N, C-alpha and C. Protein backbone atom coordinates (compact mmCIF):
# COMPACT_ATOMS: atom_id res chain seq x y z
N UNK A 1 1.03 -1.11 0.18
CA UNK A 1 -0.02 -0.15 0.23
C UNK A 1 1.00 0.93 -0.08
N UNK A 2 0.75 2.13 -0.84
CA UNK A 2 1.41 3.37 -1.10
C UNK A 2 0.57 4.44 -0.17
N UNK A 3 1.53 5.05 0.68
CA UNK A 3 1.08 6.15 1.78
C UNK A 3 0.17 7.32 0.71
N UNK A 4 -0.76 7.70 1.30
CA UNK A 4 -1.53 9.02 0.68
C UNK A 4 -0.86 10.30 1.09
N UNK A 5 -0.26 10.98 0.31
CA UNK A 5 0.21 12.27 1.10
C UNK A 5 -0.40 13.34 1.67
N UNK A 6 -1.98 13.26 1.66
CA UNK A 6 -2.56 14.11 2.37
C UNK A 6 -3.12 15.15 1.56
N UNK A 7 -4.18 16.08 2.26
CA UNK A 7 -4.63 17.17 1.49
C UNK A 7 -4.34 18.45 1.96
N UNK A 8 -3.80 19.68 1.31
CA UNK A 8 -3.38 20.73 1.59
C UNK A 8 -4.77 21.56 1.67
N UNK A 9 -4.61 22.92 1.92
CA UNK A 9 -5.60 23.90 2.22
C UNK A 9 -6.42 24.07 0.90
N UNK A 10 -5.91 24.26 -0.32
CA UNK A 10 -6.57 24.52 -1.23
C UNK A 10 -7.23 23.11 -1.65
N UNK A 11 -6.87 21.96 -1.64
CA UNK A 11 -7.40 20.79 -1.91
C UNK A 11 -8.52 20.81 -1.01
N UNK A 12 -8.53 20.64 0.45
CA UNK A 12 -9.78 20.72 0.92
C UNK A 12 -10.72 21.65 0.64
N UNK A 13 -10.30 22.95 0.48
CA UNK A 13 -11.44 23.68 -0.01
C UNK A 13 -12.07 23.24 -1.08
N UNK A 14 -11.55 22.15 -2.19
CA UNK A 14 -12.20 22.00 -3.32
C UNK A 14 -13.04 20.70 -2.76
N UNK A 15 -12.42 20.08 -1.82
CA UNK A 15 -13.59 18.87 -1.34
C UNK A 15 -14.52 19.62 -0.65
N UNK A 16 -14.42 20.48 0.25
CA UNK A 16 -15.68 21.12 0.85
C UNK A 16 -16.60 21.74 -0.21
N UNK A 17 -16.05 22.52 -1.09
CA UNK A 17 -16.88 22.89 -2.09
C UNK A 17 -17.82 22.02 -2.98
N UNK A 18 -17.28 20.79 -3.22
CA UNK A 18 -17.81 19.65 -3.81
C UNK A 18 -19.06 18.90 -3.22
N UNK A 19 -18.98 19.26 -1.85
CA UNK A 19 -19.93 18.31 -0.86
C UNK A 19 -21.43 19.42 -0.66
N UNK A 20 -22.57 18.94 -1.29
CA UNK A 20 -23.60 19.85 -1.47
C UNK A 20 -23.95 20.31 -0.01
N UNK A 21 -24.02 19.51 0.89
CA UNK A 21 -24.25 19.77 2.21
C UNK A 21 -23.58 21.20 2.68
N UNK A 22 -22.08 20.94 2.51
CA UNK A 22 -21.10 21.85 3.11
C UNK A 22 -21.45 23.18 2.30
N UNK A 23 -21.66 23.21 1.19
CA UNK A 23 -22.25 24.45 0.36
C UNK A 23 -23.53 24.95 0.96
N UNK A 24 -24.34 24.06 0.94
CA UNK A 24 -25.70 24.75 1.53
C UNK A 24 -25.61 25.27 2.66
N UNK A 25 -25.01 25.09 3.80
CA UNK A 25 -24.86 25.44 5.18
C UNK A 25 -23.73 26.70 5.43
N UNK A 26 -22.82 26.58 4.08
CA UNK A 26 -21.96 27.79 4.35
C UNK A 26 -20.65 27.33 4.91
N UNK A 27 -20.10 25.98 5.09
CA UNK A 27 -18.98 25.70 5.65
C UNK A 27 -17.75 26.32 4.86
N UNK A 28 -16.52 27.12 5.58
CA UNK A 28 -15.78 27.60 4.73
C UNK A 28 -14.68 26.82 5.65
N UNK A 29 -13.43 26.38 4.89
CA UNK A 29 -12.33 25.91 5.36
C UNK A 29 -11.15 26.90 5.43
N UNK A 30 -11.00 27.42 6.56
CA UNK A 30 -10.05 28.80 6.90
C UNK A 30 -8.54 28.46 6.91
N UNK A 31 -8.45 27.24 7.45
CA UNK A 31 -7.15 26.99 7.76
C UNK A 31 -6.82 25.13 7.94
N UNK A 32 -5.63 24.64 7.08
CA UNK A 32 -5.57 23.17 7.29
C UNK A 32 -4.40 22.86 6.76
N UNK A 33 -3.81 22.12 7.85
CA UNK A 33 -2.19 21.70 7.12
C UNK A 33 -1.77 20.68 8.53
N UNK A 34 -0.92 19.96 8.49
CA UNK A 34 -0.10 19.02 9.58
C UNK A 34 -0.88 18.60 10.65
N UNK A 35 -2.18 18.02 9.94
CA UNK A 35 -3.05 17.34 11.06
C UNK A 35 -4.02 17.91 11.65
N UNK A 36 -4.04 19.27 11.24
CA UNK A 36 -4.99 20.27 11.63
C UNK A 36 -6.16 20.58 10.93
N UNK A 37 -7.29 21.29 11.17
CA UNK A 37 -8.12 21.92 10.35
C UNK A 37 -9.36 22.87 10.96
N UNK A 38 -9.40 23.75 10.46
CA UNK A 38 -10.59 24.89 11.06
C UNK A 38 -11.38 25.61 9.98
N UNK A 39 -12.51 25.32 10.50
CA UNK A 39 -13.98 25.54 9.75
C UNK A 39 -14.70 26.71 10.49
N UNK A 40 -15.34 27.46 9.62
CA UNK A 40 -16.19 28.52 9.98
C UNK A 40 -17.67 28.49 9.23
N UNK A 41 -18.62 28.72 10.04
CA UNK A 41 -19.85 28.69 9.59
C UNK A 41 -20.51 29.89 10.29
N UNK A 42 -21.22 30.87 9.30
CA UNK A 42 -22.03 31.88 9.77
C UNK A 42 -23.48 31.58 10.36
N UNK A 43 -24.01 31.84 11.54
CA UNK A 43 -25.17 31.80 11.71
C UNK A 43 -26.40 31.97 10.81
N UNK A 44 -27.29 31.08 10.79
CA UNK A 44 -28.71 31.51 10.00
C UNK A 44 -29.76 31.17 10.86
N UNK A 45 -30.68 31.94 10.90
CA UNK A 45 -32.01 31.62 11.74
C UNK A 45 -32.41 30.06 11.58
N UNK A 46 -32.59 29.56 10.14
CA UNK A 46 -32.69 28.21 9.99
C UNK A 46 -31.97 26.88 10.53
N UNK A 47 -30.85 27.62 11.20
CA UNK A 47 -30.08 26.39 11.86
C UNK A 47 -30.28 26.27 13.43
N UNK A 48 -31.49 27.11 13.78
CA UNK A 48 -31.65 26.98 15.27
C UNK A 48 -32.85 26.06 15.64
N UNK A 49 -32.98 25.49 16.62
CA UNK A 49 -33.90 24.43 17.02
C UNK A 49 -35.10 25.18 17.93
N UNK A 50 -35.80 24.84 18.55
CA UNK A 50 -36.80 25.23 18.79
C UNK A 50 -36.68 26.45 20.35
N UNK A 51 -35.45 26.20 20.86
CA UNK A 51 -35.01 27.36 21.80
C UNK A 51 -34.21 28.42 21.16
N UNK A 52 -33.83 28.18 19.88
CA UNK A 52 -33.11 29.35 19.36
C UNK A 52 -31.37 29.02 19.27
N UNK A 53 -31.30 27.99 19.77
CA UNK A 53 -29.46 27.32 19.74
C UNK A 53 -29.28 26.89 18.51
N UNK A 54 -28.21 26.64 18.14
CA UNK A 54 -27.83 25.69 17.35
C UNK A 54 -28.01 24.45 17.31
N UNK A 55 -28.91 23.60 16.21
CA UNK A 55 -29.43 22.24 16.25
C UNK A 55 -28.04 21.75 16.56
N UNK A 56 -28.44 20.20 17.40
CA UNK A 56 -27.20 19.31 17.64
C UNK A 56 -26.50 18.87 16.24
N UNK A 57 -27.53 18.64 15.19
CA UNK A 57 -27.31 17.95 14.11
C UNK A 57 -25.97 18.92 13.13
N UNK A 58 -26.15 20.16 13.64
CA UNK A 58 -25.41 21.09 12.77
C UNK A 58 -23.88 21.06 13.57
N UNK A 59 -24.20 21.08 15.11
CA UNK A 59 -23.06 20.91 15.95
C UNK A 59 -21.98 19.51 15.49
N UNK A 60 -22.92 18.80 15.40
CA UNK A 60 -22.30 17.29 14.64
C UNK A 60 -21.50 17.36 13.53
N UNK A 61 -22.50 17.75 12.64
CA UNK A 61 -21.59 18.36 11.14
C UNK A 61 -20.29 19.10 11.36
N UNK A 62 -20.48 20.05 11.98
CA UNK A 62 -19.20 20.79 12.02
C UNK A 62 -18.01 20.21 12.62
N UNK A 63 -18.38 19.44 13.97
CA UNK A 63 -17.11 18.78 14.66
C UNK A 63 -16.88 17.56 13.94
N UNK A 64 -17.72 16.82 13.07
CA UNK A 64 -17.16 15.68 12.35
C UNK A 64 -16.54 16.09 10.85
N UNK A 65 -17.10 17.13 10.41
CA UNK A 65 -16.21 17.66 9.26
C UNK A 65 -14.69 18.15 9.54
N UNK A 66 -14.66 18.66 10.60
CA UNK A 66 -13.41 19.41 11.10
C UNK A 66 -12.50 18.25 11.73
N UNK A 67 -13.06 17.31 12.15
CA UNK A 67 -12.05 15.91 12.52
C UNK A 67 -11.50 15.28 10.97
N UNK A 68 -12.62 15.22 10.06
CA UNK A 68 -12.19 14.51 8.98
C UNK A 68 -11.15 15.07 8.05
N UNK A 69 -11.35 16.52 8.06
CA UNK A 69 -10.49 17.47 7.08
C UNK A 69 -9.11 17.18 7.82
N UNK A 70 -9.17 17.59 9.36
CA UNK A 70 -7.61 17.40 10.02
C UNK A 70 -7.03 16.24 9.94
N UNK A 71 -7.54 14.90 9.77
CA UNK A 71 -7.11 13.54 9.20
C UNK A 71 -6.76 13.50 7.82
N UNK A 72 -7.61 14.40 7.17
CA UNK A 72 -7.39 14.11 5.56
C UNK A 72 -6.01 14.87 5.11
N UNK A 73 -5.41 15.90 5.96
CA UNK A 73 -4.18 16.74 6.08
C UNK A 73 -3.05 15.72 5.71
N UNK A 74 -3.42 14.42 6.64
CA UNK A 74 -2.12 13.61 6.72
C UNK A 74 -2.40 12.17 5.85
N UNK A 75 -3.58 12.06 5.97
CA UNK A 75 -3.63 10.63 5.28
C UNK A 75 -4.36 10.68 3.93
N UNK A 76 -5.10 11.76 3.52
CA UNK A 76 -5.89 11.84 2.35
C UNK A 76 -7.35 11.57 2.56
N UNK A 77 -8.06 10.97 1.77
CA UNK A 77 -9.52 10.81 2.04
C UNK A 77 -9.85 9.77 2.81
N UNK A 78 -10.83 9.92 3.84
CA UNK A 78 -11.23 9.28 4.97
C UNK A 78 -12.69 9.33 5.06
N UNK A 79 -13.22 8.21 5.90
CA UNK A 79 -14.48 8.28 5.88
C UNK A 79 -14.72 7.62 7.43
N UNK A 80 -15.78 8.39 8.21
CA UNK A 80 -16.14 8.05 9.60
C UNK A 80 -16.47 6.43 10.01
N UNK A 81 -16.09 6.02 11.02
CA UNK A 81 -16.58 4.74 11.67
C UNK A 81 -17.24 4.97 12.82
N UNK A 82 -16.66 5.99 13.60
CA UNK A 82 -17.45 6.22 14.51
C UNK A 82 -17.30 7.50 15.16
N UNK A 83 -18.31 8.21 15.81
CA UNK A 83 -18.38 9.45 16.13
C UNK A 83 -18.88 9.75 17.45
N UNK A 84 -18.70 10.64 18.18
CA UNK A 84 -19.46 10.98 19.49
C UNK A 84 -19.05 12.50 19.70
N UNK A 85 -20.14 13.14 20.33
CA UNK A 85 -19.90 14.50 20.71
C UNK A 85 -20.29 14.71 22.06
N UNK A 86 -20.00 15.93 22.65
CA UNK A 86 -20.56 16.34 24.01
C UNK A 86 -20.90 17.90 23.75
N UNK A 87 -22.30 18.19 24.25
CA UNK A 87 -22.52 19.54 24.19
C UNK A 87 -22.23 19.78 25.54
N UNK A 88 -21.46 21.19 25.42
CA UNK A 88 -21.21 21.88 26.88
C UNK A 88 -21.87 23.01 27.36
N UNK A 89 -22.68 23.62 26.30
CA UNK A 89 -23.51 24.75 26.73
C UNK A 89 -24.38 24.95 25.42
N UNK A 90 -25.51 25.86 25.61
CA UNK A 90 -26.22 26.35 24.35
C UNK A 90 -25.43 27.10 23.40
N UNK A 91 -25.55 26.63 22.15
CA UNK A 91 -24.42 26.98 21.23
C UNK A 91 -25.22 28.31 20.37
N UNK A 92 -24.88 29.46 20.91
CA UNK A 92 -25.63 30.71 20.24
C UNK A 92 -24.36 31.70 19.75
N UNK A 93 -24.49 32.01 19.00
CA UNK A 93 -23.43 33.19 18.21
C UNK A 93 -23.83 33.78 17.00
N UNK A 94 -22.86 34.78 16.64
CA UNK A 94 -22.86 35.08 15.12
C UNK A 94 -22.40 34.42 14.16
N UNK A 95 -21.48 33.62 14.68
CA UNK A 95 -20.98 32.54 13.82
C UNK A 95 -20.17 31.66 14.35
N UNK A 96 -19.89 30.19 13.88
CA UNK A 96 -19.02 29.17 14.81
C UNK A 96 -17.90 28.50 14.16
N UNK A 97 -16.94 28.33 14.85
CA UNK A 97 -15.65 28.08 14.12
C UNK A 97 -15.05 26.59 15.09
N UNK A 98 -15.01 25.47 13.99
CA UNK A 98 -14.80 24.35 14.54
C UNK A 98 -13.21 23.85 14.21
N UNK A 99 -12.49 23.34 15.24
CA UNK A 99 -11.13 23.51 15.04
C UNK A 99 -10.78 21.60 15.06
N UNK A 100 -10.68 21.06 14.35
CA UNK A 100 -9.81 19.73 14.13
C UNK A 100 -8.64 19.45 14.38
N UNK A 101 -8.38 18.18 15.19
CA UNK A 101 -6.93 17.78 15.13
C UNK A 101 -6.80 16.38 15.08
N UNK A 102 -5.73 15.89 14.60
CA UNK A 102 -5.61 14.45 14.55
C UNK A 102 -4.73 13.99 15.80
N UNK A 103 -5.10 13.18 16.15
CA UNK A 103 -4.52 12.69 17.60
C UNK A 103 -3.49 11.46 17.04
N UNK A 104 -3.87 10.70 16.26
CA UNK A 104 -3.44 9.57 15.71
C UNK A 104 -3.61 8.87 14.58
N UNK A 105 -2.65 8.79 13.44
CA UNK A 105 -2.84 8.39 12.26
C UNK A 105 -2.14 7.19 11.70
N UNK A 106 -2.91 6.00 12.04
CA UNK A 106 -2.27 4.87 11.34
C UNK A 106 -2.97 4.22 10.10
N UNK A 107 -2.23 3.07 9.76
CA UNK A 107 -2.44 2.75 8.54
C UNK A 107 -4.12 2.42 8.53
N UNK A 108 -4.67 1.62 9.22
CA UNK A 108 -5.97 1.40 8.99
C UNK A 108 -7.17 2.17 10.02
N UNK A 109 -6.84 2.83 11.07
CA UNK A 109 -7.71 3.85 11.74
C UNK A 109 -6.96 5.27 11.89
N UNK A 110 -7.61 6.15 12.02
CA UNK A 110 -7.25 7.46 12.37
C UNK A 110 -8.28 8.08 13.33
N UNK A 111 -7.53 8.74 14.43
CA UNK A 111 -8.26 9.22 15.47
C UNK A 111 -8.09 10.60 15.61
N UNK A 112 -9.01 11.47 15.82
CA UNK A 112 -9.10 12.82 15.47
C UNK A 112 -10.12 13.40 16.72
N UNK A 113 -9.95 14.64 16.93
CA UNK A 113 -10.96 15.33 17.84
C UNK A 113 -10.98 16.72 17.29
N UNK A 114 -12.30 17.20 17.99
CA UNK A 114 -12.55 18.77 17.31
C UNK A 114 -13.24 19.59 18.62
N UNK A 115 -13.22 20.79 18.59
CA UNK A 115 -13.89 21.60 19.40
C UNK A 115 -14.54 22.69 18.55
N UNK A 116 -15.90 23.10 19.09
CA UNK A 116 -16.71 24.05 18.28
C UNK A 116 -16.84 25.15 19.27
N UNK A 117 -16.58 26.40 18.82
CA UNK A 117 -16.50 27.78 19.55
C UNK A 117 -17.68 28.47 18.71
N UNK A 118 -18.47 29.08 19.73
CA UNK A 118 -19.80 30.35 19.15
C UNK A 118 -18.82 31.48 19.27
N UNK A 119 -18.96 32.25 18.48
CA UNK A 119 -18.23 33.56 18.00
C UNK A 119 -19.16 34.75 17.95
N UNK A 120 -18.90 35.56 18.98
CA UNK A 120 -20.28 36.74 19.10
C UNK A 120 -19.87 37.59 18.04
N UNK A 121 -20.54 38.82 17.92
CA UNK A 121 -20.42 40.02 16.90
C UNK A 121 -18.79 40.71 17.19
N UNK A 122 -18.50 40.70 18.30
CA UNK A 122 -16.96 41.22 18.63
C UNK A 122 -15.73 40.26 18.51
N UNK A 123 -16.13 38.88 18.16
CA UNK A 123 -14.98 37.96 17.91
C UNK A 123 -14.75 37.14 19.13
N UNK A 124 -15.38 37.44 20.35
CA UNK A 124 -15.29 36.55 21.38
C UNK A 124 -15.86 35.14 21.39
N UNK A 125 -15.01 34.42 21.84
CA UNK A 125 -15.27 32.92 21.52
C UNK A 125 -15.57 32.11 22.80
N UNK A 126 -16.52 31.46 22.92
CA UNK A 126 -16.99 30.24 23.90
C UNK A 126 -17.03 28.91 23.39
N UNK A 127 -16.42 27.87 24.39
CA UNK A 127 -16.25 26.54 23.53
C UNK A 127 -17.66 26.04 24.07
N UNK A 128 -18.42 25.71 23.05
CA UNK A 128 -19.84 25.04 23.10
C UNK A 128 -19.93 23.42 22.72
N UNK A 129 -18.79 22.96 22.43
CA UNK A 129 -18.89 21.46 22.24
C UNK A 129 -17.56 20.86 21.67
N UNK A 130 -17.47 19.51 21.95
CA UNK A 130 -16.39 18.48 21.70
C UNK A 130 -16.89 17.30 20.79
N UNK A 131 -16.04 17.08 20.19
CA UNK A 131 -16.21 15.66 19.26
C UNK A 131 -14.99 15.12 19.07
N UNK A 132 -15.11 13.42 18.80
CA UNK A 132 -14.01 12.72 18.71
C UNK A 132 -14.68 11.73 17.65
N UNK A 133 -13.65 11.51 16.46
CA UNK A 133 -13.86 10.68 15.41
C UNK A 133 -13.16 9.38 15.07
N UNK A 134 -13.40 8.18 14.90
CA UNK A 134 -12.46 7.36 14.52
C UNK A 134 -12.95 7.38 12.70
N UNK A 135 -11.55 7.41 12.11
CA UNK A 135 -11.78 7.45 10.77
C UNK A 135 -11.15 6.37 9.99
N UNK A 136 -11.51 5.99 9.05
CA UNK A 136 -10.90 4.88 8.12
C UNK A 136 -10.46 5.68 6.92
N UNK A 137 -8.74 5.48 6.46
CA UNK A 137 -8.39 5.83 5.57
C UNK A 137 -8.88 5.41 3.94
N UNK A 138 -9.16 5.94 3.15
CA UNK A 138 -9.75 5.55 1.59
C UNK A 138 -8.67 5.37 0.52
N UNK A 139 -7.39 5.89 0.98
CA UNK A 139 -6.50 5.66 -0.28
C UNK A 139 -5.96 4.11 -0.15
N UNK A 140 -5.51 4.03 -1.59
CA UNK A 140 -4.90 2.48 -2.19
C UNK A 140 -4.00 2.13 -1.40
């Protein structure tokens, strides 16, 4: 098996743009490399649940994508085999920033974690959720 060289910021931006869901909700890859990735998404009213907080499904999507993109910077294409998240406080803000980090990249499994921050209009951030993902490399 030949090692996959991983993706850089430009390649991940292309992968992100090719995903209809990511385009629809406005995920933006703002940084990526060396086992890390950062995504940003602006708040929209349709992302809220009944109490006006960011819906847990959107939280999961941001965390999962940040983990996958972080892993992809090392091993290339991946798919999740397990995902878990912890919601720490209500997710309210003008935008949301997900920061993914690769913990360990093996040939058959990659372990990554992410933190999701709510950002207010002044740029102040509050940690609202964390997630962990086990991913499987798809490279040949």
